[in-house]
C-alpha atoms as a PDB file:
ATOM      1  CA  UNK A   1     116.474 104.776  80.159  1.00  0.00           C
ATOM      2  CA  UNK A   2     117.150 108.482  81.141  1.00  0.00           C
ATOM      3  CA  UNK A   3     114.516 109.545  83.559  1.00  0.00           C
ATOM      4  CA  UNK A   4     112.218 112.652  83.418  1.00  0.00           C
ATOM      5  CA  UNK A   5     111.734 115.481  85.865  1.00  0.00           C
ATOM      6  CA  UNK A   6     115.290 116.199  87.163  1.00  0.00           C
ATOM      7  CA  UNK A   7     118.108 118.778  87.116  1.00  0.00           C
ATOM      8  CA  UNK A   8     121.674 118.581  87.839  1.00  0.00           C
ATOM      9  CA  UNK A   9     123.613 120.826  89.970  1.00  0.00           C
ATOM     10  CA  UNK A  10     127.392 120.393  90.288  1.00  0.00           C
ATOM     11  CA  UNK A  11     127.056 116.674  89.379  1.00  0.00           C
ATOM     12  CA  UNK A  12     124.331 115.970  92.004  1.00  0.00           C
ATOM     13  CA  UNK A  13     120.862 115.215  90.586  1.00  0.00           C
ATOM     14  CA  UNK A  14     117.822 116.785  91.949  1.00  0.00           C
ATOM     15  CA  UNK A  15     114.733 114.534  91.285  1.00  0.00           C
ATOM     16  CA  UNK A  16     111.375 116.128  90.875  1.00  0.00           C
ATOM     17  CA  UNK A  17     109.210 113.156  90.449  1.00  0.00           C
ATOM     18  CA  UNK A  18     107.896 112.806  94.055  1.00  0.00           C
ATOM     19  CA  UNK A  19     107.698 115.158  97.034  1.00  0.00           C
ATOM     20  CA  UNK A  20     110.873 113.589  98.358  1.00  0.00           C
ATOM     21  CA  UNK A  21     112.728 115.603  95.844  1.00  0.00           C
ATOM     22  CA  UNK A  22     115.827 113.535  96.440  1.00  0.00           C
ATOM     23  CA  UNK A  23     119.308 115.015  95.969  1.00  0.00           C
ATOM     24  CA  UNK A  24     121.333 112.077  94.393  1.00  0.00           C
ATOM     25  CA  UNK A  25     125.013 112.046  94.374  1.00  0.00           C
ATOM     26  CA  UNK A  26     126.890 110.377  91.478  1.00  0.00           C
ATOM     27  CA  UNK A  27     126.541 106.601  91.663  1.00  0.00           C
ATOM     28  CA  UNK A  28     123.686 106.667  94.380  1.00  0.00           C
ATOM     29  CA  UNK A  29     120.143 106.052  94.155  1.00  0.00           C
ATOM     30  CA  UNK A  30     117.038 107.870  95.400  1.00  0.00           C
ATOM     31  CA  UNK A  31     114.719 106.723  98.157  1.00  0.00           C
ATOM     32  CA  UNK A  32     112.745 104.674  95.749  1.00  0.00           C
ATOM     33  CA  UNK A  33     115.872 102.587  94.798  1.00  0.00           C
ATOM     34  CA  UNK A  34     115.168 102.556  91.208  1.00  0.00           C
ATOM     35  CA  UNK A  35     116.369 105.987  90.152  1.00  0.00           C
ATOM     36  CA  UNK A  36     120.077 106.464  89.893  1.00  0.00           C
ATOM     37  CA  UNK A  37     122.571 109.194  89.276  1.00  0.00           C
ATOM     38  CA  UNK A  38     125.068 107.979  86.666  1.00  0.00           C
ATOM     39  CA  UNK A  39     127.529 110.591  85.701  1.00  0.00           C
ATOM     40  CA  UNK A  40     125.143 113.523  86.467  1.00  0.00           C
ATOM     41  CA  UNK A  41     122.082 112.068  84.601  1.00  0.00           C
ATOM     42  CA  UNK A  42     119.216 110.399  86.249  1.00  0.00           C
ATOM     43  CA  UNK A  43     118.218 106.913  84.986  1.00  0.00           C
ATOM     44  CA  UNK A  44     115.122 104.778  85.485  1.00  0.00           C
ATOM     45  CA  UNK A  45     116.601 101.414  86.533  1.00  0.00           C
ATOM     46  CA  UNK A  46     113.191  99.626  86.380  1.00  0.00           C
ATOM     47  CA  UNK A  47     112.148 100.795  82.890  1.00  0.00           C
ATOM     48  CA  UNK A  48     110.329  97.724  81.459  1.00  0.00           C
ATOM     49  CA  UNK A  49     111.029  95.601  84.402  1.00  0.00           C
ATOM     50  CA  UNK A  50     107.735  93.648  85.027  1.00  0.00           C
ATOM     51  CA  UNK A  51     107.534  91.689  88.442  1.00  0.00           C
ATOM     52  CA  UNK A  52     104.042  90.621  87.908  1.00  0.00           C
ATOM     53  CA  UNK A  53     101.235  90.657  85.371  1.00  0.00           C
ATOM     54  CA  UNK A  54      97.622  89.254  85.609  1.00  0.00           C
ATOM     55  CA  UNK A  55      94.068  89.675  84.383  1.00  0.00           C
ATOM     56  CA  UNK A  56      92.417  90.781  87.436  1.00  0.00           C
ATOM     57  CA  UNK A  57      88.906  91.500  88.331  1.00  0.00           C
ATOM     58  CA  UNK A  58      88.476  95.400  88.385  1.00  0.00           C
ATOM     59  CA  UNK A  59      87.157  94.968  91.954  1.00  0.00           C
ATOM     60  CA  UNK A  60      90.647  93.784  93.198  1.00  0.00           C
ATOM     61  CA  UNK A  61      92.218  97.175  92.448  1.00  0.00           C
ATOM     62  CA  UNK A  62      89.894  98.068  94.284  1.00  0.00           C
ATOM     63  CA  UNK A  63      87.489  99.925  91.977  1.00  0.00           C
ATOM     64  CA  UNK A  64      83.767  99.240  92.652  1.00  0.00           C
ATOM     65  CA  UNK A  65      82.237 102.097  90.729  1.00  0.00           C
ATOM     66  CA  UNK A  66      84.355 101.806  87.487  1.00  0.00           C
ATOM     67  CA  UNK A  67      83.059  99.158  85.056  1.00  0.00           C
ATOM     68  CA  UNK A  68      82.008  96.731  87.807  1.00  0.00           C
ATOM     69  CA  UNK A  69      82.205  93.073  86.851  1.00  0.00           C
ATOM     70  CA  UNK A  70      84.917  93.643  84.267  1.00  0.00           C
ATOM     71  CA  UNK A  71      88.504  92.668  84.188  1.00  0.00           C
ATOM     72  CA  UNK A  72      91.674  94.737  83.881  1.00  0.00           C
ATOM     73  CA  UNK A  73      95.202  93.625  82.608  1.00  0.00           C
ATOM     74  CA  UNK A  74      97.355  94.401  85.557  1.00  0.00           C
ATOM     75  CA  UNK A  75     100.984  95.052  85.786  1.00  0.00           C
ATOM     76  CA  UNK A  76     103.671  95.932  88.360  1.00  0.00           C
ATOM     77  CA  UNK A  77     107.477  96.556  88.686  1.00  0.00           C
ATOM     78  CA  UNK A  78     109.767  97.075  91.605  1.00  0.00           C
ATOM     79  CA  UNK A  79     110.324 100.073  93.970  1.00  0.00           C
ATOM     80  CA  UNK A  80     108.311 102.451  95.985  1.00  0.00           C
ATOM     81  CA  UNK A  81     108.855 105.965  97.213  1.00  0.00           C
ATOM     82  CA  UNK A  82     107.279 105.081 100.727  1.00  0.00           C
ATOM     83  CA  UNK A  83     108.745 102.782 103.451  1.00  0.00           C
ATOM     84  CA  UNK A  84     105.592 101.504 104.903  1.00  0.00           C
ATOM     85  CA  UNK A  85     106.384  99.272 107.899  1.00  0.00           C
ATOM     86  CA  UNK A  86     103.166  97.290 107.034  1.00  0.00           C
ATOM     87  CA  UNK A  87     103.830  96.831 103.301  1.00  0.00           C
ATOM     88  CA  UNK A  88     101.926  93.921 101.836  1.00  0.00           C
ATOM     89  CA  UNK A  89     103.998  93.612  98.627  1.00  0.00           C
ATOM     90  CA  UNK A  90     107.563  94.277 100.251  1.00  0.00           C
ATOM     91  CA  UNK A  91     109.228  91.710  98.254  1.00  0.00           C
ATOM     92  CA  UNK A  92     108.794  93.984  94.845  1.00  0.00           C
ATOM     93  CA  UNK A  93     108.350  97.255  96.592  1.00  0.00           C
ATOM     94  CA  UNK A  94     111.144  97.412  99.211  1.00  0.00           C
ATOM     95  CA  UNK A  95     113.932  96.399  96.925  1.00  0.00           C
ATOM     96  CA  UNK A  96     117.616  97.128  97.712  1.00  0.00           C
ATOM     97  CA  UNK A  97     120.877  96.589  95.911  1.00  0.00           C
ATOM     98  CA  UNK A  98     120.885  95.228  92.258  1.00  0.00           C
ATOM     99  CA  UNK A  99     119.806  91.637  92.527  1.00  0.00           C
ATOM    100  CA  UNK A 100     116.405  92.150  91.482  1.00  0.00           C
ATOM    101  CA  UNK A 101     117.566  93.426  87.955  1.00  0.00           C
ATOM    102  CA  UNK A 102     117.887  89.983  86.781  1.00  0.00           C
ATOM    103  CA  UNK A 103     115.008  88.377  88.428  1.00  0.00           C
ATOM    104  CA  UNK A 104     112.232  89.805  86.182  1.00  0.00           C
ATOM    105  CA  UNK A 105     111.867  90.024  82.400  1.00  0.00           C
ATOM    106  CA  UNK A 106     112.108  93.397  80.489  1.00  0.00           C
ATOM    107  CA  UNK A 107     109.021  93.736  78.364  1.00  0.00           C
ATOM    108  CA  UNK A 108     108.624  96.508  75.794  1.00  0.00           C
ATOM    109  CA  UNK A 109     105.485  98.846  76.044  1.00  0.00           C
ATOM    110  CA  UNK A 110     104.137  97.614  72.671  1.00  0.00           C
ATOM    111  CA  UNK A 111     104.141  94.005  74.023  1.00  0.00           C
ATOM    112  CA  UNK A 112     102.033  95.132  77.056  1.00  0.00           C
ATOM    113  CA  UNK A 113      99.437  96.718  74.749  1.00  0.00           C
ATOM    114  CA  UNK A 114      99.309  93.656  72.645  1.00  0.00           C
ATOM    115  CA  UNK A 115      98.770  91.468  75.664  1.00  0.00           C
ATOM    116  CA  UNK A 116      95.943  93.819  76.924  1.00  0.00           C
ATOM    117  CA  UNK A 117      94.347  93.805  73.514  1.00  0.00           C
ATOM    118  CA  UNK A 118      94.476  89.977  73.343  1.00  0.00           C
ATOM    119  CA  UNK A 119      92.729  89.908  76.710  1.00  0.00           C
ATOM    120  CA  UNK A 120      89.649  91.942  75.590  1.00  0.00           C
ATOM    121  CA  UNK A 121      87.893  88.800  74.599  1.00  0.00           C
ATOM    122  CA  UNK A 122      88.192  87.799  78.258  1.00  0.00           C
ATOM    123  CA  UNK A 123      86.478  90.961  79.478  1.00  0.00           C
ATOM    124  CA  UNK A 124      89.518  93.112  79.704  1.00  0.00           C
ATOM    125  CA  UNK A 125      89.004  96.839  79.728  1.00  0.00           C
ATOM    126  CA  UNK A 126      92.479  98.127  79.740  1.00  0.00           C
ATOM    127  CA  UNK A 127      95.733  98.296  81.803  1.00  0.00           C
ATOM    128  CA  UNK A 128      96.212  98.784  85.441  1.00  0.00           C
ATOM    129  CA  UNK A 129      99.425  99.945  87.004  1.00  0.00           C
ATOM    130  CA  UNK A 130      99.596  98.472  90.342  1.00  0.00           C
ATOM    131  CA  UNK A 131     101.223  95.924  92.734  1.00  0.00           C
ATOM    132  CA  UNK A 132     104.232  98.197  93.567  1.00  0.00           C
ATOM    133  CA  UNK A 133     104.135 102.003  93.451  1.00  0.00           C
ATOM    134  CA  UNK A 134     103.778 103.045  89.783  1.00  0.00           C
ATOM    135  CA  UNK A 135     104.940 106.478  90.389  1.00  0.00           C
ATOM    136  CA  UNK A 136     108.595 105.291  90.390  1.00  0.00           C
ATOM    137  CA  UNK A 137     107.811 103.419  87.109  1.00  0.00           C
ATOM    138  CA  UNK A 138     106.877 106.774  85.627  1.00  0.00           C
ATOM    139  CA  UNK A 139     108.615 106.645  82.056  1.00  0.00           C
ATOM    140  CA  UNK A 140     107.399 103.190  81.444  1.00  0.00           C
ATOM    141  CA  UNK A 141     103.826 103.626  82.623  1.00  0.00           C
ATOM    142  CA  UNK A 142     103.542 106.790  80.485  1.00  0.00           C
ATOM    143  CA  UNK A 143     104.705 105.209  77.438  1.00  0.00           C
ATOM    144  CA  UNK A 144     102.372 102.235  77.791  1.00  0.00           C
ATOM    145  CA  UNK A 145      99.459 104.619  78.844  1.00  0.00           C
ATOM    146  CA  UNK A 146      99.786 106.583  75.600  1.00  0.00           C
ATOM    147  CA  UNK A 147      99.506 103.510  73.521  1.00  0.00           C
ATOM    148  CA  UNK A 148      96.609 102.087  75.598  1.00  0.00           C
ATOM    149  CA  UNK A 149      94.641 105.399  75.395  1.00  0.00           C
ATOM    150  CA  UNK A 150      95.173 105.585  71.556  1.00  0.00           C
ATOM    151  CA  UNK A 151      93.945 101.992  71.314  1.00  0.00           C
ATOM    152  CA  UNK A 152      90.775 102.986  73.021  1.00  0.00           C
ATOM    153  CA  UNK A 153      91.273 101.093  76.229  1.00  0.00           C
ATOM    154  CA  UNK A 154      91.341 102.422  79.822  1.00  0.00           C
ATOM    155  CA  UNK A 155      94.243 103.151  82.062  1.00  0.00           C
ATOM    156  CA  UNK A 156      93.869 102.717  85.807  1.00  0.00           C
ATOM    157  CA  UNK A 157      96.626 103.832  88.519  1.00  0.00           C
ATOM    158  CA  UNK A 158      96.611 102.279  91.887  1.00  0.00           C
ATOM    159  CA  UNK A 159      98.833 104.594  93.880  1.00  0.00           C
ATOM    160  CA  UNK A 160      99.928 106.165  97.202  1.00  0.00           C
ATOM    161  CA  UNK A 161      99.362 109.446  95.663  1.00  0.00           C
ATOM    162  CA  UNK A 162     102.881 110.651  96.575  1.00  0.00           C
ATOM    163  CA  UNK A 163     103.732 112.314  93.301  1.00  0.00           C
ATOM    164  CA  UNK A 164     104.643 116.004  92.390  1.00  0.00           C
ATOM    165  CA  UNK A 165     102.085 118.146  90.563  1.00  0.00           C
ATOM    166  CA  UNK A 166     103.945 118.445  87.202  1.00  0.00           C
ATOM    167  CA  UNK A 167     104.486 114.613  86.588  1.00  0.00           C
ATOM    168  CA  UNK A 168     100.748 114.141  87.750  1.00  0.00           C
ATOM    169  CA  UNK A 169      99.715 116.673  85.088  1.00  0.00           C
ATOM    170  CA  UNK A 170     101.431 114.590  82.457  1.00  0.00           C
ATOM    171  CA  UNK A 171      99.445 111.441  83.475  1.00  0.00           C
ATOM    172  CA  UNK A 172      96.028 112.882  84.162  1.00  0.00           C
ATOM    173  CA  UNK A 173      94.990 113.222  80.405  1.00  0.00           C
ATOM    174  CA  UNK A 174      95.909 109.574  79.984  1.00  0.00           C
ATOM    175  CA  UNK A 175      94.433 108.059  83.123  1.00  0.00           C
ATOM    176  CA  UNK A 176      90.767 107.007  83.361  1.00  0.00           C
ATOM    177  CA  UNK A 177      90.541 105.928  87.099  1.00  0.00           C
ATOM    178  CA  UNK A 178      92.627 106.125  90.261  1.00  0.00           C
ATOM    179  CA  UNK A 179      92.456 104.282  93.470  1.00  0.00           C
ATOM    180  CA  UNK A 180      94.520 106.265  95.932  1.00  0.00           C
ATOM    181  CA  UNK A 181      95.589 105.116  99.414  1.00  0.00           C
ATOM    182  CA  UNK A 182      95.121 107.616 102.043  1.00  0.00           C
ATOM    183  CA  UNK A 183      97.051 105.784 104.775  1.00  0.00           C
ATOM    184  CA  UNK A 184      96.194 107.994 107.757  1.00  0.00           C
ATOM    185  CA  UNK A 185      95.101 111.368 109.060  1.00  0.00           C
ATOM    186  CA  UNK A 186      98.267 112.993 110.270  1.00  0.00           C
ATOM    187  CA  UNK A 187     101.752 113.969 109.336  1.00  0.00           C
ATOM    188  CA  UNK A 188     103.123 112.228 112.231  1.00  0.00           C
ATOM    189  CA  UNK A 189     101.639 109.028 111.136  1.00  0.00           C
ATOM    190  CA  UNK A 190     102.955 109.364 107.587  1.00  0.00           C
ATOM    191  CA  UNK A 191     106.448 110.195 108.774  1.00  0.00           C
ATOM    192  CA  UNK A 192     106.707 107.469 111.452  1.00  0.00           C
ATOM    193  CA  UNK A 193     104.912 104.612 109.536  1.00  0.00           C
ATOM    194  CA  UNK A 194     105.666 105.528 105.892  1.00  0.00           C
ATOM    195  CA  UNK A 195     108.593 107.928 105.650  1.00  0.00           C
ATOM    196  CA  UNK A 196     106.610 110.745 103.916  1.00  0.00           C
ATOM    197  CA  UNK A 197     104.016 113.477 104.506  1.00  0.00           C
ATOM    198  CA  UNK A 198     100.284 113.635 104.082  1.00  0.00           C
ATOM    199  CA  UNK A 199      99.693 117.105 102.203  1.00  0.00           C
ATOM    200  CA  UNK A 200     101.110 115.832  98.905  1.00  0.00           C
ATOM    201  CA  UNK A 201      98.540 113.014  98.993  1.00  0.00           C
ATOM    202  CA  UNK A 202      95.802 115.409  99.620  1.00  0.00           C
ATOM    203  CA  UNK A 203      97.024 117.629  96.827  1.00  0.00           C
ATOM    204  CA  UNK A 204      97.020 114.541  94.368  1.00  0.00           C
ATOM    205  CA  UNK A 205      93.455 113.718  95.419  1.00  0.00           C
ATOM    206  CA  UNK A 206      92.227 117.189  94.814  1.00  0.00           C
ATOM    207  CA  UNK A 207      93.913 117.274  91.398  1.00  0.00           C
ATOM    208  CA  UNK A 208      92.225 114.024  90.259  1.00  0.00           C
ATOM    209  CA  UNK A 209      88.998 115.447  91.220  1.00  0.00           C
ATOM    210  CA  UNK A 210      89.629 118.651  89.433  1.00  0.00           C
ATOM    211  CA  UNK A 211      90.508 116.679  86.266  1.00  0.00           C
ATOM    212  CA  UNK A 212      87.231 114.904  86.400  1.00  0.00           C
ATOM    213  CA  UNK A 213      88.777 111.409  86.741  1.00  0.00           C
ATOM    214  CA  UNK A 214      87.131 108.506  88.585  1.00  0.00           C
ATOM    215  CA  UNK A 215      88.611 108.300  92.032  1.00  0.00           C
ATOM    216  CA  UNK A 216      88.142 105.784  94.870  1.00  0.00           C
ATOM    217  CA  UNK A 217      90.112 106.059  98.105  1.00  0.00           C
ATOM    218  CA  UNK A 218      91.357 103.138 100.179  1.00  0.00           C
ATOM    219  CA  UNK A 219      91.882 103.565 103.904  1.00  0.00           C
ATOM    220  CA  UNK A 220      93.765 100.672 105.646  1.00  0.00           C
ATOM    221  CA  UNK A 221      92.726 100.688 109.282  1.00  0.00           C
ATOM    222  CA  UNK A 222      95.768  99.676 111.574  1.00  0.00           C
ATOM    223  CA  UNK A 223      94.960  99.029 115.173  1.00  0.00           C
ATOM    224  CA  UNK A 224      96.246 101.795 117.667  1.00  0.00           C
ATOM    225  CA  UNK A 225      97.744 103.750 114.774  1.00  0.00           C
ATOM    226  CA  UNK A 226      95.002 105.159 112.493  1.00  0.00           C
ATOM    227  CA  UNK A 227      91.838 103.864 114.037  1.00  0.00           C
ATOM    228  CA  UNK A 228      90.583 106.628 116.341  1.00  0.00           C
ATOM    229  CA  UNK A 229      87.017 107.255 115.357  1.00  0.00           C
ATOM    230  CA  UNK A 230      87.066 110.938 116.154  1.00  0.00           C
ATOM    231  CA  UNK A 231      90.232 111.607 113.890  1.00  0.00           C
ATOM    232  CA  UNK A 232      88.791 109.203 111.324  1.00  0.00           C
ATOM    233  CA  UNK A 233      85.585 111.338 111.155  1.00  0.00           C
ATOM    234  CA  UNK A 234      87.779 114.199 110.131  1.00  0.00           C
ATOM    235  CA  UNK A 235      89.111 112.189 107.288  1.00  0.00           C
ATOM    236  CA  UNK A 236      85.474 111.378 106.137  1.00  0.00           C
ATOM    237  CA  UNK A 237      84.360 114.945 106.481  1.00  0.00           C
ATOM    238  CA  UNK A 238      87.528 116.084 104.474  1.00  0.00           C
ATOM    239  CA  UNK A 239      86.634 113.573 101.746  1.00  0.00           C
ATOM    240  CA  UNK A 240      83.010 114.694 101.630  1.00  0.00           C
ATOM    241  CA  UNK A 241      83.658 118.374 101.530  1.00  0.00           C
ATOM    242  CA  UNK A 242      86.676 118.496  99.349  1.00  0.00           C
ATOM    243  CA  UNK A 243      86.296 115.605  97.031  1.00  0.00           C
ATOM    244  CA  UNK A 244      82.647 115.257  97.178  1.00  0.00           C
ATOM    245  CA  UNK A 245      80.041 112.941  99.130  1.00  0.00           C
ATOM    246  CA  UNK A 246      79.854 110.393  96.335  1.00  0.00           C
ATOM    247  CA  UNK A 247      83.608 109.641  96.527  1.00  0.00           C
ATOM    248  CA  UNK A 248      83.980 105.950  97.007  1.00  0.00           C
ATOM    249  CA  UNK A 249      85.769 104.963 100.188  1.00  0.00           C
ATOM    250  CA  UNK A 250      87.198 101.502 100.980  1.00  0.00           C
ATOM    251  CA  UNK A 251      87.743 100.917 104.781  1.00  0.00           C
ATOM    252  CA  UNK A 252      90.072  97.987 104.673  1.00  0.00           C
ATOM    253  CA  UNK A 253      91.201  95.560 107.150  1.00  0.00           C
ATOM    254  CA  UNK A 254      94.777  95.368 108.022  1.00  0.00           C
ATOM    255  CA  UNK A 255      96.752  92.060 108.492  1.00  0.00           C
ATOM    256  CA  UNK A 256     100.132  91.731 109.946  1.00  0.00           C
ATOM    257  CA  UNK A 257     102.875  92.116 107.205  1.00  0.00           C
ATOM    258  CA  UNK A 258     106.655  92.978 106.738  1.00  0.00           C
ATOM    259  CA  UNK A 259     107.970  94.730 109.787  1.00  0.00           C
ATOM    260  CA  UNK A 260     104.663  95.222 111.780  1.00  0.00           C
ATOM    261  CA  UNK A 261     103.256  92.390 113.788  1.00  0.00           C
ATOM    262  CA  UNK A 262     100.205  94.218 115.278  1.00  0.00           C
ATOM    263  CA  UNK A 263      97.161  91.752 115.200  1.00  0.00           C
ATOM    264  CA  UNK A 264      94.679  92.127 112.389  1.00  0.00           C
ATOM    265  CA  UNK A 265      92.035  94.950 112.682  1.00  0.00           C
ATOM    266  CA  UNK A 266      89.088  93.746 114.740  1.00  0.00           C
ATOM    267  CA  UNK A 267      85.912  93.603 112.768  1.00  0.00           C
ATOM    268  CA  UNK A 268      84.210  95.692 115.468  1.00  0.00           C
ATOM    269  CA  UNK A 269      86.563  98.588 114.687  1.00  0.00           C
ATOM    270  CA  UNK A 270      85.928  98.293 110.997  1.00  0.00           C
ATOM    271  CA  UNK A 271      82.135  98.302 111.464  1.00  0.00           C
ATOM    272  CA  UNK A 272      82.353 101.372 113.889  1.00  0.00           C
ATOM    273  CA  UNK A 273      84.548 103.449 111.142  1.00  0.00           C
ATOM    274  CA  UNK A 274      82.214 102.199 108.516  1.00  0.00           C
ATOM    275  CA  UNK A 275      79.213 103.747 110.391  1.00  0.00           C
ATOM    276  CA  UNK A 276      81.220 106.973 110.963  1.00  0.00           C
ATOM    277  CA  UNK A 277      82.004 107.316 107.229  1.00  0.00           C
ATOM    278  CA  UNK A 278      78.417 106.613 106.213  1.00  0.00           C
ATOM    279  CA  UNK A 279      77.179 109.652 108.062  1.00  0.00           C
ATOM    280  CA  UNK A 280      79.268 111.733 105.578  1.00  0.00           C
ATOM    281  CA  UNK A 281      79.747 109.652 102.431  1.00  0.00           C
ATOM    282  CA  UNK A 282      77.262 107.788 100.157  1.00  0.00           C
ATOM    283  CA  UNK A 283      79.558 104.994  98.932  1.00  0.00           C
ATOM    284  CA  UNK A 284      81.535 103.246 101.672  1.00  0.00           C
ATOM    285  CA  UNK A 285      82.773  99.605 101.698  1.00  0.00           C
ATOM    286  CA  UNK A 286      84.528  97.265 104.008  1.00  0.00           C
ATOM    287  CA  UNK A 287      87.397  95.359 102.391  1.00  0.00           C
ATOM    288  CA  UNK A 288      89.618  92.372 103.277  1.00  0.00           C
ATOM    289  CA  UNK A 289      86.966  90.663 105.318  1.00  0.00           C
ATOM    290  CA  UNK A 290      84.730  88.583 103.009  1.00  0.00           C
ATOM    291  CA  UNK A 291      81.575  90.258 104.440  1.00  0.00           C
ATOM    292  CA  UNK A 292      79.464  90.494 101.253  1.00  0.00           C
ATOM    293  CA  UNK A 293      76.902  92.745 102.700  1.00  0.00           C
ATOM    294  CA  UNK A 294      79.476  95.490 103.057  1.00  0.00           C
ATOM    295  CA  UNK A 295      80.810  94.907  99.548  1.00  0.00           C
ATOM    296  CA  UNK A 296      77.571  95.184  97.509  1.00  0.00           C
ATOM    297  CA  UNK A 297      76.487  98.453  96.054  1.00  0.00           C
ATOM    298  CA  UNK A 298      73.010  99.706  96.936  1.00  0.00           C
ATOM    299  CA  UNK A 299      71.175 102.692  95.346  1.00  0.00           C
ATOM    300  CA  UNK A 300      71.398 105.446  97.999  1.00  0.00           C
ATOM    301  CA  UNK A 301      67.959 106.716  96.911  1.00  0.00           C
ATOM    302  CA  UNK A 302      65.781 103.675  96.763  1.00  0.00           C
ATOM    303  CA  UNK A 303      67.904 101.034  98.518  1.00  0.00           C
ATOM    304  CA  UNK A 304      67.871  98.516  95.539  1.00  0.00           C
ATOM    305  CA  UNK A 305      70.832  96.237  95.038  1.00  0.00           C
ATOM    306  CA  UNK A 306      72.591  97.373  92.088  1.00  0.00           C
ATOM    307  CA  UNK A 307      75.907  95.514  92.174  1.00  0.00           C
ATOM    308  CA  UNK A 308      76.367  92.212  93.883  1.00  0.00           C
ATOM    309  CA  UNK A 309      79.811  91.112  94.879  1.00  0.00           C
ATOM    310  CA  UNK A 310      81.237  87.788  95.979  1.00  0.00           C
ATOM    311  CA  UNK A 311      84.827  88.015  96.829  1.00  0.00           C
ATOM    312  CA  UNK A 312      86.550  90.170  94.203  1.00  0.00           C
ATOM    313  CA  UNK A 313      83.965  89.630  91.477  1.00  0.00           C
ATOM    314  CA  UNK A 314      81.118  92.015  90.798  1.00  0.00           C
ATOM    315  CA  UNK A 315      77.797  91.335  89.098  1.00  0.00           C
ATOM    316  CA  UNK A 316      75.800  94.512  87.926  1.00  0.00           C
ATOM    317  CA  UNK A 317      72.450  93.068  88.845  1.00  0.00           C
ATOM    318  CA  UNK A 318      70.413  96.307  89.011  1.00  0.00           C
ATOM    319  CA  UNK A 319      72.410  98.653  87.062  1.00  0.00           C
ATOM    320  CA  UNK A 320      71.729 100.085  83.601  1.00  0.00           C
ATOM    321  CA  UNK A 321      74.233 100.422  80.729  1.00  0.00           C
ATOM    322  CA  UNK A 322      74.582 104.225  81.581  1.00  0.00           C
ATOM    323  CA  UNK A 323      75.306 103.480  85.169  1.00  0.00           C
ATOM    324  CA  UNK A 324      71.874 104.201  86.834  1.00  0.00           C
ATOM    325  CA  UNK A 325      69.636 102.282  89.197  1.00  0.00           C
ATOM    326  CA  UNK A 326      67.282 100.209  87.244  1.00  0.00           C
ATOM    327  CA  UNK A 327      64.768 100.696  90.024  1.00  0.00           C
ATOM    328  CA  UNK A 328      64.482 104.571  90.408  1.00  0.00           C
ATOM    329  CA  UNK A 329      66.906 105.791  87.650  1.00  0.00           C
ATOM    330  CA  UNK A 330      69.400 107.438  89.976  1.00  0.00           C
ATOM    331  CA  UNK A 331      72.872 107.914  88.620  1.00  0.00           C
ATOM    332  CA  UNK A 332      75.094 105.517  90.574  1.00  0.00           C
ATOM    333  CA  UNK A 333      78.251 105.399  88.539  1.00  0.00           C
END
């Protein structure tokens, strides 16, 4: 399918989907490896290509303050506009060549909607675009999201946030919730470890908040790379002041993966950064550890347990239907 958001100058395609703004010569691909210049036109090579789909707990995205205890039909494709050295889904995100084109099925958007609707009886609330970076799957995601929204279901995007403002503006009216990875606190980290820059991600976060969409932020703590408590405090303060003190922050444990063999994040480090974040934010969680007490949701006013979590499953034990604490009535979600 022909891609959106590009121009052609002297046969070279200028892609405007993400901040890389790749200039792609005829026959070549962009950094994402799934958008190709063919005769002066840009094509989405992964349109309809589905590498994975599952009915996941909403907490797996992770989204802790968006319909806790529910499920969401989750789909992913191939490709990514980052080159994270620690990528956990590198088998589908860091594709090269053309071998993957015959490895996965091509599924029309209406079939995804049908599957999502069939799963409603199992607690499904909509469709999540996840697993790899959904930005590079833009056209397919957009076509599904339109159908999902019209059907009265929810759209969720799990993303690195590296998307240009105009494409994001197209998505915002259709999306109900986002989980965005804020992977570090400096441009040097983003350039060295990911192959990108941080400011576009910050801009995406601000745009989501301005649009009034539900937002949760994930911060993967990598030893010796982005675990400095003083610098992390700057992140927590920025989130609190710019996005709001009720913004949900997931402080997640890193495990060695792909090209990075640094040992897993010590629990001591996670607890220290959790304490730092809690000084500035009301809703902070520690992920990828199995420590239940740091995954439960408590009312910040009266301390009542409102959502109890075991693994990736949430149980709203003290939450009213309109998202309030059943003890004191404070708005939680």
